[in-house]
Amino acid sequence: MRSPKTFTIDKDILRYLAGTARDGSEGGRVNELLQEAIEREAYQRLEAEAAKFFAAPTRSARREMKSFQSAAIKSITRD
């Protein structure tokens, strides 16, 4: 669904749009470029999230893992 909006756009961008618009539809070209930018930003966020997830554990995270491992070993050997 499309909604009419009014934006101020730099002249350089307008020239670019005029030169790259297919079938003379600058609005369609703007939507296409914005959609590509949205997808690129989403991909970059996912990349950053993955990098953070797979990063080396911090010192506090290692302490937590060791504590958990120690508690698990005590629990297993108790039986």
C-alpha atoms as a PDB file:
ATOM      1  CA  MET A   1       0.000   0.000   0.000  1.00  0.00           C
ATOM      2  CA  ARG A   2       1.348   3.393  -0.891  1.00  0.00           C
ATOM      3  CA  SER A   3       0.747   6.638   0.944  1.00  0.00           C
ATOM      4  CA  PRO A   4       1.436  10.050  -0.532  1.00  0.00           C
ATOM      5  CA  LYS A   5       4.175  11.922   1.351  1.00  0.00           C
ATOM      6  CA  THR A   6       6.175  15.045   0.692  1.00  0.00           C
ATOM      7  CA  PHE A   7       9.940  15.094   1.197  1.00  0.00           C
ATOM      8  CA  THR A   8      12.689  17.525   0.356  1.00  0.00           C
ATOM      9  CA  ILE A   9      15.334  15.891  -1.828  1.00  0.00           C
ATOM     10  CA  ASP A  10      18.737  17.211  -2.876  1.00  0.00           C
ATOM     11  CA  LYS A  11      19.065  18.301  -6.489  1.00  0.00           C
ATOM     12  CA  ASP A  12      21.852  15.776  -7.082  1.00  0.00           C
ATOM     13  CA  ILE A  13      19.534  12.984  -6.024  1.00  0.00           C
ATOM     14  CA  LEU A  14      16.768  14.311  -8.275  1.00  0.00           C
ATOM     15  CA  ARG A  15      19.177  14.323 -11.220  1.00  0.00           C
ATOM     16  CA  TYR A  16      20.195  10.763 -10.397  1.00  0.00           C
ATOM     17  CA  LEU A  17      16.559   9.688 -10.196  1.00  0.00           C
ATOM     18  CA  ALA A  18      15.733  11.343 -13.505  1.00  0.00           C
ATOM     19  CA  GLY A  19      18.613   9.506 -15.151  1.00  0.00           C
ATOM     20  CA  THR A  20      17.844   6.094 -13.667  1.00  0.00           C
ATOM     21  CA  ALA A  21      14.041   6.045 -13.503  1.00  0.00           C
ATOM     22  CA  ARG A  22      12.533   3.304 -15.610  1.00  0.00           C
ATOM     23  CA  ASP A  23       9.438   4.193 -17.573  1.00  0.00           C
ATOM     24  CA  GLY A  24       9.729   7.766 -16.284  1.00  0.00           C
ATOM     25  CA  SER A  25       8.536   6.792 -12.809  1.00  0.00           C
ATOM     26  CA  GLU A  26      10.764   8.627 -10.378  1.00  0.00           C
ATOM     27  CA  GLY A  27       8.481   7.722  -7.468  1.00  0.00           C
ATOM     28  CA  GLY A  28       8.823   4.040  -8.321  1.00  0.00           C
ATOM     29  CA  ARG A  29      12.598   4.426  -8.506  1.00  0.00           C
ATOM     30  CA  VAL A  30      12.638   6.144  -5.087  1.00  0.00           C
ATOM     31  CA  ASN A  31      10.634   3.265  -3.611  1.00  0.00           C
ATOM     32  CA  GLU A  32      13.004   0.737  -5.195  1.00  0.00           C
ATOM     33  CA  LEU A  33      16.103   2.483  -3.844  1.00  0.00           C
ATOM     34  CA  LEU A  34      14.596   2.896  -0.379  1.00  0.00           C
ATOM     35  CA  GLN A  35      13.615  -0.768  -0.253  1.00  0.00           C
ATOM     36  CA  GLU A  36      17.165  -1.772  -1.186  1.00  0.00           C
ATOM     37  CA  ALA A  37      18.543   0.521   1.527  1.00  0.00           C
ATOM     38  CA  ILE A  38      16.153  -0.943   4.113  1.00  0.00           C
ATOM     39  CA  GLU A  39      17.223  -4.484   3.204  1.00  0.00           C
ATOM     40  CA  ARG A  40      20.909  -3.505   3.350  1.00  0.00           C
ATOM     41  CA  GLU A  41      20.471  -1.976   6.815  1.00  0.00           C
ATOM     42  CA  ALA A  42      18.628  -5.059   8.053  1.00  0.00           C
ATOM     43  CA  TYR A  43      21.444  -7.263   6.736  1.00  0.00           C
ATOM     44  CA  GLN A  44      24.048  -5.062   8.441  1.00  0.00           C
ATOM     45  CA  ARG A  45      22.149  -5.311  11.748  1.00  0.00           C
ATOM     46  CA  LEU A  46      22.032  -9.094  11.415  1.00  0.00           C
ATOM     47  CA  GLU A  47      25.761  -9.179  10.647  1.00  0.00           C
ATOM     48  CA  ALA A  48      26.508  -7.076  13.729  1.00  0.00           C
ATOM     49  CA  GLU A  49      24.272  -9.275  15.880  1.00  0.00           C
ATOM     50  CA  ALA A  50      25.984 -12.427  14.578  1.00  0.00           C
ATOM     51  CA  ALA A  51      29.431 -10.945  15.165  1.00  0.00           C
ATOM     52  CA  LYS A  52      28.472 -10.074  18.736  1.00  0.00           C
ATOM     53  CA  PHE A  53      27.001 -13.559  19.303  1.00  0.00           C
ATOM     54  CA  PHE A  54      30.068 -15.374  17.955  1.00  0.00           C
ATOM     55  CA  ALA A  55      32.612 -13.026  19.545  1.00  0.00           C
ATOM     56  CA  ALA A  56      35.043 -14.406  22.080  1.00  0.00           C
ATOM     57  CA  PRO A  57      33.459 -14.663  25.518  1.00  0.00           C
ATOM     58  CA  THR A  58      34.151 -11.845  27.925  1.00  0.00           C
ATOM     59  CA  ARG A  59      35.927 -12.366  31.225  1.00  0.00           C
ATOM     60  CA  SER A  60      32.658 -12.284  33.165  1.00  0.00           C
ATOM     61  CA  ALA A  61      31.071 -14.762  30.749  1.00  0.00           C
ATOM     62  CA  ARG A  62      33.998 -17.140  31.264  1.00  0.00           C
ATOM     63  CA  ARG A  63      33.581 -16.868  35.040  1.00  0.00           C
ATOM     64  CA  GLU A  64      29.892 -17.670  34.672  1.00  0.00           C
ATOM     65  CA  MET A  65      30.672 -20.685  32.463  1.00  0.00           C
ATOM     66  CA  LYS A  66      33.250 -21.993  34.968  1.00  0.00           C
ATOM     67  CA  SER A  67      30.801 -21.534  37.827  1.00  0.00           C
ATOM     68  CA  PHE A  68      28.114 -23.380  35.903  1.00  0.00           C
ATOM     69  CA  GLN A  69      30.530 -26.185  35.011  1.00  0.00           C
ATOM     70  CA  SER A  70      31.666 -26.524  38.618  1.00  0.00           C
ATOM     71  CA  ALA A  71      28.079 -26.662  39.861  1.00  0.00           C
ATOM     72  CA  ALA A  72      27.190 -29.235  37.194  1.00  0.00           C
ATOM     73  CA  ILE A  73      30.154 -31.434  38.123  1.00  0.00           C
ATOM     74  CA  LYS A  74      29.236 -31.241  41.829  1.00  0.00           C
ATOM     75  CA  SER A  75      25.648 -32.137  40.995  1.00  0.00           C
ATOM     76  CA  ILE A  76      26.684 -35.125  38.872  1.00  0.00           C
ATOM     77  CA  THR A  77      29.271 -36.491  41.311  1.00  0.00           C
ATOM     78  CA  ARG A  78      26.912 -36.098  44.266  1.00  0.00           C
ATOM     79  CA  ASP A  79      24.744 -39.005  43.119  1.00  0.00           C
END
